[in-house]
Amino acid sequence: MSVDYKLIGSRIKLYRKSKKLTQEKLAELLAISVGYVSKMERGIEHPNLEMLSSIAQIVDCDIANLISESTISQTEYLDDDFRKLLDQLYPDQKSMLFRMLEHYIEMSKTR
């Protein structure tokens, strides 16, 4: 089972921004470097549960919100995240994305 740290990082960034915190302020509150925060948000650094718990407290969310559905072996992997993104699109954008995905899948089959 593999963990999608990029997904976790993007959620950290989303919650951080929703609380109007800069990377600098979050780093200060966690007593870590700004570079480490940046790397966590990009999925390069892999925060442990203690760090994730601290982040969740600071951004006022449940730790489950940061890590849920982040294991790549889950059959529903990223389904909710895709739905949230799709809900933001206009019908013509959805149609274009659908055609792009169809094309991508067809191209993947020929490899």
PDB file of N, CA and C in Angstrom:
ATOM      1  N   MET A   1       0.854  -1.172   0.000  1.00  0.00           N
ATOM      2  CA  MET A   1       0.000   0.000   0.000  1.00  0.00           C
ATOM      3  C   MET A   1       0.902   1.238   0.000  1.00  0.00           C
ATOM      4  N   SER A   2       0.579   2.185  -0.857  1.00  0.00           N
ATOM      5  CA  SER A   2       1.373   3.394  -0.982  1.00  0.00           C
ATOM      6  C   SER A   2       0.547   4.611  -0.592  1.00  0.00           C
ATOM      7  N   VAL A   3       1.190   5.609  -0.030  1.00  0.00           N
ATOM      8  CA  VAL A   3       0.514   6.820   0.419  1.00  0.00           C
ATOM      9  C   VAL A   3       0.793   7.940  -0.576  1.00  0.00           C
ATOM     10  N   ASP A   4      -0.235   8.661  -0.952  1.00  0.00           N
ATOM     11  CA  ASP A   4      -0.111   9.784  -1.876  1.00  0.00           C
ATOM     12  C   ASP A   4       0.181  11.051  -1.071  1.00  0.00           C
ATOM     13  N   TYR A   5       1.445  11.335  -0.877  1.00  0.00           N
ATOM     14  CA  TYR A   5       1.836  12.501  -0.091  1.00  0.00           C
ATOM     15  C   TYR A   5       1.568  13.808  -0.837  1.00  0.00           C
ATOM     16  N   LYS A   6       1.497  13.760  -2.158  1.00  0.00           N
ATOM     17  CA  LYS A   6       1.130  14.968  -2.911  1.00  0.00           C
ATOM     18  C   LYS A   6      -0.299  15.376  -2.584  1.00  0.00           C
ATOM     19  N   LEU A   7      -1.168  14.390  -2.463  1.00  0.00           N
ATOM     20  CA  LEU A   7      -2.563  14.665  -2.108  1.00  0.00           C
ATOM     21  C   LEU A   7      -2.645  15.233  -0.696  1.00  0.00           C
ATOM     22  N   ILE A   8      -1.931  14.632   0.232  1.00  0.00           N
ATOM     23  CA  ILE A   8      -1.916  15.141   1.605  1.00  0.00           C
ATOM     24  C   ILE A   8      -1.370  16.568   1.621  1.00  0.00           C
ATOM     25  N   GLY A   9      -0.299  16.798   0.891  1.00  0.00           N
ATOM     26  CA  GLY A   9       0.290  18.121   0.823  1.00  0.00           C
ATOM     27  C   GLY A   9      -0.655  19.165   0.248  1.00  0.00           C
ATOM     28  N   SER A  10      -1.391  18.784  -0.782  1.00  0.00           N
ATOM     29  CA  SER A  10      -2.338  19.743  -1.367  1.00  0.00           C
ATOM     30  C   SER A  10      -3.462  20.061  -0.386  1.00  0.00           C
ATOM     31  N   ARG A  11      -3.825  19.099   0.435  1.00  0.00           N
ATOM     32  CA  ARG A  11      -4.847  19.358   1.455  1.00  0.00           C
ATOM     33  C   ARG A  11      -4.298  20.261   2.551  1.00  0.00           C
ATOM     34  N   ILE A  12      -3.050  20.051   2.945  1.00  0.00           N
ATOM     35  CA  ILE A  12      -2.422  20.941   3.928  1.00  0.00           C
ATOM     36  C   ILE A  12      -2.456  22.372   3.399  1.00  0.00           C
ATOM     37  N   LYS A  13      -2.067  22.534   2.142  1.00  0.00           N
ATOM     38  CA  LYS A  13      -2.053  23.861   1.521  1.00  0.00           C
ATOM     39  C   LYS A  13      -3.454  24.468   1.479  1.00  0.00           C
ATOM     40  N   LEU A  14      -4.433  23.673   1.110  1.00  0.00           N
ATOM     41  CA  LEU A  14      -5.817  24.150   1.034  1.00  0.00           C
ATOM     42  C   LEU A  14      -6.309  24.634   2.395  1.00  0.00           C
ATOM     43  N   TYR A  15      -6.093  23.847   3.428  1.00  0.00           N
ATOM     44  CA  TYR A  15      -6.522  24.236   4.778  1.00  0.00           C
ATOM     45  C   TYR A  15      -5.724  25.444   5.285  1.00  0.00           C
ATOM     46  N   ARG A  16      -4.427  25.459   4.986  1.00  0.00           N
ATOM     47  CA  ARG A  16      -3.599  26.587   5.407  1.00  0.00           C
ATOM     48  C   ARG A  16      -4.131  27.887   4.803  1.00  0.00           C
ATOM     49  N   LYS A  17      -4.392  27.849   3.502  1.00  0.00           N
ATOM     50  CA  LYS A  17      -4.902  29.043   2.823  1.00  0.00           C
ATOM     51  C   LYS A  17      -6.295  29.424   3.306  1.00  0.00           C
ATOM     52  N   SER A  18      -7.117  28.418   3.628  1.00  0.00           N
ATOM     53  CA  SER A  18      -8.469  28.727   4.112  1.00  0.00           C
ATOM     54  C   SER A  18      -8.434  29.457   5.443  1.00  0.00           C
ATOM     55  N   LYS A  19      -7.359  29.255   6.201  1.00  0.00           N
ATOM     56  CA  LYS A  19      -7.167  29.951   7.478  1.00  0.00           C
ATOM     57  C   LYS A  19      -6.334  31.219   7.302  1.00  0.00           C
ATOM     58  N   LYS A  20      -6.055  31.549   6.024  1.00  0.00           N
ATOM     59  CA  LYS A  20      -5.281  32.751   5.695  1.00  0.00           C
ATOM     60  C   LYS A  20      -3.906  32.761   6.369  1.00  0.00           C
ATOM     61  N   LEU A  21      -3.300  31.583   6.398  1.00  0.00           N
ATOM     62  CA  LEU A  21      -1.949  31.455   6.944  1.00  0.00           C
ATOM     63  C   LEU A  21      -0.952  31.377   5.796  1.00  0.00           C
ATOM     64  N   THR A  22       0.156  32.058   5.940  1.00  0.00           N
ATOM     65  CA  THR A  22       1.244  31.913   4.986  1.00  0.00           C
ATOM     66  C   THR A  22       2.059  30.678   5.360  1.00  0.00           C
ATOM     67  N   GLN A  23       2.893  30.243   4.430  1.00  0.00           N
ATOM     68  CA  GLN A  23       3.801  29.145   4.755  1.00  0.00           C
ATOM     69  C   GLN A  23       4.721  29.562   5.902  1.00  0.00           C
ATOM     70  N   GLU A  24       5.109  30.814   5.901  1.00  0.00           N
ATOM     71  CA  GLU A  24       5.995  31.321   6.952  1.00  0.00           C
ATOM     72  C   GLU A  24       5.334  31.226   8.329  1.00  0.00           C
ATOM     73  N   LYS A  25       4.060  31.629   8.407  1.00  0.00           N
ATOM     74  CA  LYS A  25       3.358  31.594   9.689  1.00  0.00           C
ATOM     75  C   LYS A  25       3.149  30.157  10.153  1.00  0.00           C
ATOM     76  N   LEU A  26       2.763  29.274   9.222  1.00  0.00           N
ATOM     77  CA  LEU A  26       2.582  27.866   9.593  1.00  0.00           C
ATOM     78  C   LEU A  26       3.900  27.278  10.082  1.00  0.00           C
ATOM     79  N   ALA A  27       4.982  27.592   9.390  1.00  0.00           N
ATOM     80  CA  ALA A  27       6.301  27.103   9.806  1.00  0.00           C
ATOM     81  C   ALA A  27       6.642  27.592  11.204  1.00  0.00           C
ATOM     82  N   GLU A  28       6.345  28.852  11.454  1.00  0.00           N
ATOM     83  CA  GLU A  28       6.625  29.421  12.780  1.00  0.00           C
ATOM     84  C   GLU A  28       5.819  28.705  13.858  1.00  0.00           C
ATOM     85  N   LEU A  29       4.534  28.472  13.600  1.00  0.00           N
ATOM     86  CA  LEU A  29       3.676  27.810  14.583  1.00  0.00           C
ATOM     87  C   LEU A  29       4.100  26.357  14.830  1.00  0.00           C
ATOM     88  N   LEU A  30       4.668  25.733  13.814  1.00  0.00           N
ATOM     89  CA  LEU A  30       5.116  24.337  13.939  1.00  0.00           C
ATOM     90  C   LEU A  30       6.574  24.229  14.381  1.00  0.00           C
ATOM     91  N   ALA A  31       7.269  25.366  14.436  1.00  0.00           N
ATOM     92  CA  ALA A  31       8.696  25.399  14.777  1.00  0.00           C
ATOM     93  C   ALA A  31       9.523  24.566  13.792  1.00  0.00           C
ATOM     94  N   ILE A  32       9.216  24.759  12.506  1.00  0.00           N
ATOM     95  CA  ILE A  32       9.966  24.102  11.431  1.00  0.00           C
ATOM     96  C   ILE A  32      10.322  25.166  10.396  1.00  0.00           C
ATOM     97  N   SER A  33      11.081  24.791   9.401  1.00  0.00           N
ATOM     98  CA  SER A  33      11.482  25.752   8.375  1.00  0.00           C
ATOM     99  C   SER A  33      10.377  25.940   7.332  1.00  0.00           C
ATOM    100  N   VAL A  34      10.405  27.087   6.688  1.00  0.00           N
ATOM    101  CA  VAL A  34       9.465  27.366   5.602  1.00  0.00           C
ATOM    102  C   VAL A  34       9.684  26.371   4.465  1.00  0.00           C
ATOM    103  N   GLY A  35      10.945  26.032   4.238  1.00  0.00           N
ATOM    104  CA  GLY A  35      11.272  25.057   3.198  1.00  0.00           C
ATOM    105  C   GLY A  35      10.611  23.714   3.442  1.00  0.00           C
ATOM    106  N   TYR A  36      10.562  23.303   4.707  1.00  0.00           N
ATOM    107  CA  TYR A  36       9.926  22.027   5.037  1.00  0.00           C
ATOM    108  C   TYR A  36       8.424  22.087   4.754  1.00  0.00           C
ATOM    109  N   VAL A  37       7.792  23.212   5.101  1.00  0.00           N
ATOM    110  CA  VAL A  37       6.356  23.379   4.815  1.00  0.00           C
ATOM    111  C   VAL A  37       6.137  23.297   3.314  1.00  0.00           C
ATOM    112  N   SER A  38       6.949  24.002   2.558  1.00  0.00           N
ATOM    113  CA  SER A  38       6.836  23.984   1.099  1.00  0.00           C
ATOM    114  C   SER A  38       6.980  22.571   0.549  1.00  0.00           C
ATOM    115  N   LYS A  39       7.957  21.847   1.053  1.00  0.00           N
ATOM    116  CA  LYS A  39       8.176  20.474   0.581  1.00  0.00           C
ATOM    117  C   LYS A  39       7.041  19.541   0.989  1.00  0.00           C
ATOM    118  N   MET A  40       6.459  19.754   2.167  1.00  0.00           N
ATOM    119  CA  MET A  40       5.291  18.943   2.570  1.00  0.00           C
ATOM    120  C   MET A  40       4.139  19.189   1.612  1.00  0.00           C
ATOM    121  N   GLU A  41       3.898  20.465   1.307  1.00  0.00           N
ATOM    122  CA  GLU A  41       2.773  20.815   0.445  1.00  0.00           C
ATOM    123  C   GLU A  41       2.953  20.293  -0.976  1.00  0.00           C
ATOM    124  N   ARG A  42       4.176  20.069  -1.382  1.00  0.00           N
ATOM    125  CA  ARG A  42       4.445  19.518  -2.718  1.00  0.00           C
ATOM    126  C   ARG A  42       4.587  17.995  -2.703  1.00  0.00           C
ATOM    127  N   GLY A  43       4.495  17.387  -1.519  1.00  0.00           N
ATOM    128  CA  GLY A  43       4.581  15.935  -1.410  1.00  0.00           C
ATOM    129  C   GLY A  43       5.991  15.398  -1.407  1.00  0.00           C
ATOM    130  N   ILE A  44       6.974  16.272  -1.282  1.00  0.00           N
ATOM    131  CA  ILE A  44       8.376  15.845  -1.279  1.00  0.00           C
ATOM    132  C   ILE A  44       8.771  15.330   0.097  1.00  0.00           C
ATOM    133  N   GLU A  45       8.371  16.055   1.137  1.00  0.00           N
ATOM    134  CA  GLU A  45       8.596  15.613   2.518  1.00  0.00           C
ATOM    135  C   GLU A  45       7.365  14.857   2.988  1.00  0.00           C
ATOM    136  N   HIS A  46       7.580  13.841   3.790  1.00  0.00           N
ATOM    137  CA  HIS A  46       6.496  12.985   4.270  1.00  0.00           C
ATOM    138  C   HIS A  46       6.312  13.184   5.778  1.00  0.00           C
ATOM    139  N   PRO A  47       5.362  14.042   6.154  1.00  0.00           N
ATOM    140  CA  PRO A  47       5.164  14.323   7.582  1.00  0.00           C
ATOM    141  C   PRO A  47       4.664  13.092   8.339  1.00  0.00           C
ATOM    142  N   ASN A  48       5.139  12.944   9.571  1.00  0.00           N
ATOM    143  CA  ASN A  48       4.669  11.840  10.398  1.00  0.00           C
ATOM    144  C   ASN A  48       3.317  12.207  11.031  1.00  0.00           C
ATOM    145  N   LEU A  49       2.722  11.263  11.730  1.00  0.00           N
ATOM    146  CA  LEU A  49       1.398  11.501  12.318  1.00  0.00           C
ATOM    147  C   LEU A  49       1.405  12.628  13.337  1.00  0.00           C
ATOM    148  N   GLU A  50       2.487  12.755  14.085  1.00  0.00           N
ATOM    149  CA  GLU A  50       2.580  13.833  15.065  1.00  0.00           C
ATOM    150  C   GLU A  50       2.540  15.194  14.367  1.00  0.00           C
ATOM    151  N   MET A  51       3.281  15.322  13.270  1.00  0.00           N
ATOM    152  CA  MET A  51       3.298  16.575  12.516  1.00  0.00           C
ATOM    153  C   MET A  51       1.926  16.837  11.899  1.00  0.00           C
ATOM    154  N   LEU A  52       1.324  15.808  11.335  1.00  0.00           N
ATOM    155  CA  LEU A  52      -0.007  15.973  10.743  1.00  0.00           C
ATOM    156  C   LEU A  52      -1.038  16.373  11.789  1.00  0.00           C
ATOM    157  N   SER A  53      -0.910  15.810  12.986  1.00  0.00           N
ATOM    158  CA  SER A  53      -1.811  16.159  14.073  1.00  0.00           C
ATOM    159  C   SER A  53      -1.641  17.631  14.462  1.00  0.00           C
ATOM    160  N   SER A  54      -0.407  18.085  14.524  1.00  0.00           N
ATOM    161  CA  SER A  54      -0.141  19.493  14.846  1.00  0.00           C
ATOM    162  C   SER A  54      -0.700  20.420  13.781  1.00  0.00           C
ATOM    163  N   ILE A  55      -0.509  20.044  12.530  1.00  0.00           N
ATOM    164  CA  ILE A  55      -1.041  20.849  11.426  1.00  0.00           C
ATOM    165  C   ILE A  55      -2.558  20.909  11.504  1.00  0.00           C
ATOM    166  N   ALA A  56      -3.187  19.760  11.731  1.00  0.00           N
ATOM    167  CA  ALA A  56      -4.648  19.709  11.829  1.00  0.00           C
ATOM    168  C   ALA A  56      -5.166  20.615  12.939  1.00  0.00           C
ATOM    169  N   GLN A  57      -4.484  20.640  14.071  1.00  0.00           N
ATOM    170  CA  GLN A  57      -4.892  21.518  15.170  1.00  0.00           C
ATOM    171  C   GLN A  57      -4.781  22.986  14.772  1.00  0.00           C
ATOM    172  N   ILE A  58      -3.702  23.340  14.117  1.00  0.00           N
ATOM    173  CA  ILE A  58      -3.473  24.735  13.729  1.00  0.00           C
ATOM    174  C   ILE A  58      -4.512  25.203  12.709  1.00  0.00           C
ATOM    175  N   VAL A  59      -4.821  24.349  11.736  1.00  0.00           N
ATOM    176  CA  VAL A  59      -5.771  24.757  10.693  1.00  0.00           C
ATOM    177  C   VAL A  59      -7.212  24.391  11.054  1.00  0.00           C
ATOM    178  N   ASP A  60      -7.384  23.869  12.262  1.00  0.00           N
ATOM    179  CA  ASP A  60      -8.713  23.567  12.796  1.00  0.00           C
ATOM    180  C   ASP A  60      -9.504  22.576  11.944  1.00  0.00           C
ATOM    181  N   CYS A  61      -8.854  21.436  11.675  1.00  0.00           N
ATOM    182  CA  CYS A  61      -9.553  20.356  10.978  1.00  0.00           C
ATOM    183  C   CYS A  61      -9.194  19.045  11.649  1.00  0.00           C
ATOM    184  N   ASP A  62      -9.934  18.030  11.344  1.00  0.00           N
ATOM    185  CA  ASP A  62      -9.641  16.692  11.848  1.00  0.00           C
ATOM    186  C   ASP A  62      -8.496  16.123  11.021  1.00  0.00           C
ATOM    187  N   ILE A  63      -7.593  15.424  11.651  1.00  0.00           N
ATOM    188  CA  ILE A  63      -6.463  14.828  10.924  1.00  0.00           C
ATOM    189  C   ILE A  63      -6.958  13.929   9.793  1.00  0.00           C
ATOM    190  N   ALA A  64      -8.120  13.328   9.961  1.00  0.00           N
ATOM    191  CA  ALA A  64      -8.692  12.472   8.922  1.00  0.00           C
ATOM    192  C   ALA A  64      -8.935  13.252   7.636  1.00  0.00           C
ATOM    193  N   ASN A  65      -9.241  14.543   7.765  1.00  0.00           N
ATOM    194  CA  ASN A  65      -9.451  15.362   6.565  1.00  0.00           C
ATOM    195  C   ASN A  65      -8.176  15.482   5.747  1.00  0.00           C
ATOM    196  N   LEU A  66      -7.034  15.401   6.405  1.00  0.00           N
ATOM    197  CA  LEU A  66      -5.762  15.502   5.692  1.00  0.00           C
ATOM    198  C   LEU A  66      -5.345  14.181   5.058  1.00  0.00           C
ATOM    199  N   ILE A  67      -5.693  13.068   5.707  1.00  0.00           N
ATOM    200  CA  ILE A  67      -5.147  11.787   5.236  1.00  0.00           C
ATOM    201  C   ILE A  67      -6.169  10.832   4.626  1.00  0.00           C
ATOM    202  N   SER A  68      -7.456  11.143   4.726  1.00  0.00           N
ATOM    203  CA  SER A  68      -8.457  10.205   4.215  1.00  0.00           C
ATOM    204  C   SER A  68      -8.301   9.987   2.713  1.00  0.00           C
ATOM    205  N   GLU A  69      -8.515   8.772   2.308  1.00  0.00           N
ATOM    206  CA  GLU A  69      -8.448   8.350   0.912  1.00  0.00           C
ATOM    207  C   GLU A  69      -7.129   8.715   0.247  1.00  0.00           C
ATOM    208  N   SER A  70      -6.051   8.647   1.003  1.00  0.00           N
ATOM    209  CA  SER A  70      -4.749   8.983   0.429  1.00  0.00           C
ATOM    210  C   SER A  70      -3.884   7.760   0.144  1.00  0.00           C
ATOM    211  N   THR A  71      -4.452   6.567   0.358  1.00  0.00           N
ATOM    212  CA  THR A  71      -3.703   5.366   0.013  1.00  0.00           C
ATOM    213  C   THR A  71      -4.070   4.957  -1.406  1.00  0.00           C
ATOM    214  N   ILE A  72      -3.076   4.743  -2.190  1.00  0.00           N
ATOM    215  CA  ILE A  72      -3.259   4.516  -3.618  1.00  0.00           C
ATOM    216  C   ILE A  72      -3.980   3.212  -3.918  1.00  0.00           C
ATOM    217  N   SER A  73      -3.959   2.244  -3.019  1.00  0.00           N
ATOM    218  CA  SER A  73      -4.589   0.957  -3.291  1.00  0.00           C
ATOM    219  C   SER A  73      -6.105   0.976  -3.110  1.00  0.00           C
ATOM    220  N   GLN A  74      -6.671   2.054  -2.584  1.00  0.00           N
ATOM    221  CA  GLN A  74      -8.114   2.110  -2.385  1.00  0.00           C
ATOM    222  C   GLN A  74      -8.840   2.175  -3.726  1.00  0.00           C
ATOM    223  N   THR A  75      -9.948   1.452  -3.843  1.00  0.00           N
ATOM    224  CA  THR A  75     -10.694   1.467  -5.098  1.00  0.00           C
ATOM    225  C   THR A  75     -11.355   2.816  -5.354  1.00  0.00           C
ATOM    226  N   GLU A  76     -11.654   3.557  -4.311  1.00  0.00           N
ATOM    227  CA  GLU A  76     -12.288   4.864  -4.466  1.00  0.00           C
ATOM    228  C   GLU A  76     -11.257   5.986  -4.476  1.00  0.00           C
ATOM    229  N   TYR A  77      -9.997   5.641  -4.717  1.00  0.00           N
ATOM    230  CA  TYR A  77      -8.895   6.594  -4.652  1.00  0.00           C
ATOM    231  C   TYR A  77      -9.212   7.862  -5.442  1.00  0.00           C
ATOM    232  N   LEU A  78      -9.202   8.975  -4.755  1.00  0.00           N
ATOM    233  CA  LEU A  78      -9.398  10.317  -5.306  1.00  0.00           C
ATOM    234  C   LEU A  78     -10.802  10.596  -5.845  1.00  0.00           C
ATOM    235  N   ASP A  79     -11.744   9.687  -5.692  1.00  0.00           N
ATOM    236  CA  ASP A  79     -13.084   9.908  -6.235  1.00  0.00           C
ATOM    237  C   ASP A  79     -13.704  11.201  -5.730  1.00  0.00           C
ATOM    238  N   ASP A  80     -13.654  11.430  -4.419  1.00  0.00           N
ATOM    239  CA  ASP A  80     -14.236  12.658  -3.871  1.00  0.00           C
ATOM    240  C   ASP A  80     -13.516  13.893  -4.381  1.00  0.00           C
ATOM    241  N   ASP A  81     -12.204  13.803  -4.504  1.00  0.00           N
ATOM    242  CA  ASP A  81     -11.441  14.945  -4.998  1.00  0.00           C
ATOM    243  C   ASP A  81     -11.791  15.251  -6.457  1.00  0.00           C
ATOM    244  N   PHE A  82     -11.972  14.207  -7.269  1.00  0.00           N
ATOM    245  CA  PHE A  82     -12.396  14.410  -8.654  1.00  0.00           C
ATOM    246  C   PHE A  82     -13.785  15.048  -8.704  1.00  0.00           C
ATOM    247  N   ARG A  83     -14.681  14.564  -7.870  1.00  0.00           N
ATOM    248  CA  ARG A  83     -16.037  15.133  -7.852  1.00  0.00           C
ATOM    249  C   ARG A  83     -16.024  16.614  -7.494  1.00  0.00           C
ATOM    250  N   LYS A  84     -15.224  16.980  -6.504  1.00  0.00           N
ATOM    251  CA  LYS A  84     -15.133  18.384  -6.099  1.00  0.00           C
ATOM    252  C   LYS A  84     -14.601  19.243  -7.238  1.00  0.00           C
ATOM    253  N   LEU A  85     -13.601  18.736  -7.941  1.00  0.00           N
ATOM    254  CA  LEU A  85     -13.062  19.486  -9.072  1.00  0.00           C
ATOM    255  C   LEU A  85     -14.085  19.586 -10.203  1.00  0.00           C
ATOM    256  N   LEU A  86     -14.749  18.481 -10.493  1.00  0.00           N
ATOM    257  CA  LEU A  86     -15.751  18.484 -11.559  1.00  0.00           C
ATOM    258  C   LEU A  86     -16.898  19.442 -11.266  1.00  0.00           C
ATOM    259  N   ASP A  87     -17.269  19.538 -10.008  1.00  0.00           N
ATOM    260  CA  ASP A  87     -18.355  20.442  -9.622  1.00  0.00           C
ATOM    261  C   ASP A  87     -18.018  21.904  -9.909  1.00  0.00           C
ATOM    262  N   GLN A  88     -16.750  22.214 -10.036  1.00  0.00           N
ATOM    263  CA  GLN A  88     -16.328  23.590 -10.289  1.00  0.00           C
ATOM    264  C   GLN A  88     -16.312  23.942 -11.775  1.00  0.00           C
ATOM    265  N   LEU A  89     -16.485  22.938 -12.636  1.00  0.00           N
ATOM    266  CA  LEU A  89     -16.376  23.159 -14.076  1.00  0.00           C
ATOM    267  C   LEU A  89     -17.728  23.478 -14.716  1.00  0.00           C
ATOM    268  N   TYR A  90     -17.662  24.247 -15.792  1.00  0.00           N
ATOM    269  CA  TYR A  90     -18.835  24.500 -16.623  1.00  0.00           C
ATOM    270  C   TYR A  90     -19.050  23.279 -17.521  1.00  0.00           C
ATOM    271  N   PRO A  91     -20.269  23.086 -18.041  1.00  0.00           N
ATOM    272  CA  PRO A  91     -20.534  21.904 -18.878  1.00  0.00           C
ATOM    273  C   PRO A  91     -19.567  21.735 -20.051  1.00  0.00           C
ATOM    274  N   ASP A  92     -19.211  22.822 -20.732  1.00  0.00           N
ATOM    275  CA  ASP A  92     -18.283  22.689 -21.857  1.00  0.00           C
ATOM    276  C   ASP A  92     -16.889  22.259 -21.392  1.00  0.00           C
ATOM    277  N   GLN A  93     -16.495  22.697 -20.201  1.00  0.00           N
ATOM    278  CA  GLN A  93     -15.203  22.278 -19.651  1.00  0.00           C
ATOM    279  C   GLN A  93     -15.235  20.800 -19.277  1.00  0.00           C
ATOM    280  N   LYS A  94     -16.363  20.347 -18.735  1.00  0.00           N
ATOM    281  CA  LYS A  94     -16.508  18.923 -18.394  1.00  0.00           C
ATOM    282  C   LYS A  94     -16.411  18.073 -19.656  1.00  0.00           C
ATOM    283  N   SER A  95     -17.063  18.529 -20.716  1.00  0.00           N
ATOM    284  CA  SER A  95     -17.040  17.792 -21.980  1.00  0.00           C
ATOM    285  C   SER A  95     -15.627  17.685 -22.525  1.00  0.00           C
ATOM    286  N   MET A  96     -14.883  18.789 -22.492  1.00  0.00           N
ATOM    287  CA  MET A  96     -13.514  18.783 -22.985  1.00  0.00           C
ATOM    288  C   MET A  96     -12.648  17.854 -22.130  1.00  0.00           C
ATOM    289  N   LEU A  97     -12.800  17.919 -20.814  1.00  0.00           N
ATOM    290  CA  LEU A  97     -12.026  17.052 -19.923  1.00  0.00           C
ATOM    291  C   LEU A  97     -12.361  15.588 -20.178  1.00  0.00           C
ATOM    292  N   PHE A  98     -13.627  15.299 -20.382  1.00  0.00           N
ATOM    293  CA  PHE A  98     -14.051  13.926 -20.671  1.00  0.00           C
ATOM    294  C   PHE A  98     -13.361  13.400 -21.931  1.00  0.00           C
ATOM    295  N   ARG A  99     -13.349  14.206 -22.982  1.00  0.00           N
ATOM    296  CA  ARG A  99     -12.699  13.786 -24.233  1.00  0.00           C
ATOM    297  C   ARG A  99     -11.190  13.598 -24.034  1.00  0.00           C
ATOM    298  N   MET A 100     -10.588  14.471 -23.232  1.00  0.00           N
ATOM    299  CA  MET A 100      -9.156  14.328 -22.956  1.00  0.00           C
ATOM    300  C   MET A 100      -8.867  13.032 -22.202  1.00  0.00           C
ATOM    301  N   LEU A 101      -9.711  12.708 -21.225  1.00  0.00           N
ATOM    302  CA  LEU A 101      -9.517  11.472 -20.462  1.00  0.00           C
ATOM    303  C   LEU A 101      -9.724  10.243 -21.347  1.00  0.00           C
ATOM    304  N   GLU A 102     -10.736  10.303 -22.197  1.00  0.00           N
ATOM    305  CA  GLU A 102     -10.951   9.187 -23.124  1.00  0.00           C
ATOM    306  C   GLU A 102      -9.711   8.971 -23.984  1.00  0.00           C
ATOM    307  N   HIS A 103      -9.181  10.050 -24.512  1.00  0.00           N
ATOM    308  CA  HIS A 103      -7.992   9.971 -25.356  1.00  0.00           C
ATOM    309  C   HIS A 103      -6.806   9.424 -24.557  1.00  0.00           C
ATOM    310  N   TYR A 104      -6.623   9.916 -23.358  1.00  0.00           N
ATOM    311  CA  TYR A 104      -5.525   9.455 -22.509  1.00  0.00           C
ATOM    312  C   TYR A 104      -5.634   7.945 -22.253  1.00  0.00           C
ATOM    313  N   ILE A 105      -6.829   7.487 -21.931  1.00  0.00           N
ATOM    314  CA  ILE A 105      -7.030   6.060 -21.664  1.00  0.00           C
ATOM    315  C   ILE A 105      -6.738   5.230 -22.902  1.00  0.00           C
ATOM    316  N   GLU A 106      -7.198   5.689 -24.050  1.00  0.00           N
ATOM    317  CA  GLU A 106      -6.915   4.958 -25.301  1.00  0.00           C
ATOM    318  C   GLU A 106      -5.418   4.904 -25.566  1.00  0.00           C
ATOM    319  N   MET A 107      -4.727   6.012 -25.357  1.00  0.00           N
ATOM    320  CA  MET A 107      -3.286   6.050 -25.587  1.00  0.00           C
ATOM    321  C   MET A 107      -2.549   5.136 -24.600  1.00  0.00           C
ATOM    322  N   SER A 108      -3.063   5.055 -23.369  1.00  0.00           N
ATOM    323  CA  SER A 108      -2.440   4.203 -22.357  1.00  0.00           C
ATOM    324  C   SER A 108      -2.557   2.727 -22.711  1.00  0.00           C
ATOM    325  N   LYS A 109      -3.624   2.378 -23.392  1.00  0.00           N
ATOM    326  CA  LYS A 109      -3.833   0.971 -23.771  1.00  0.00           C
ATOM    327  C   LYS A 109      -2.857   0.525 -24.835  1.00  0.00           C
ATOM    328  N   THR A 110      -2.393   1.436 -25.646  1.00  0.00           N
ATOM    329  CA  THR A 110      -1.495   1.053 -26.753  1.00  0.00           C
ATOM    330  C   THR A 110      -0.045   0.977 -26.327  1.00  0.00           C
ATOM    331  N   ARG A 111       0.253   1.322 -25.105  1.00  0.00           N
ATOM    332  CA  ARG A 111       1.653   1.295 -24.634  1.00  0.00           C
ATOM    333  C   ARG A 111       2.055  -0.066 -24.177  1.00  0.00           C
TER     334      ARG A 111
END
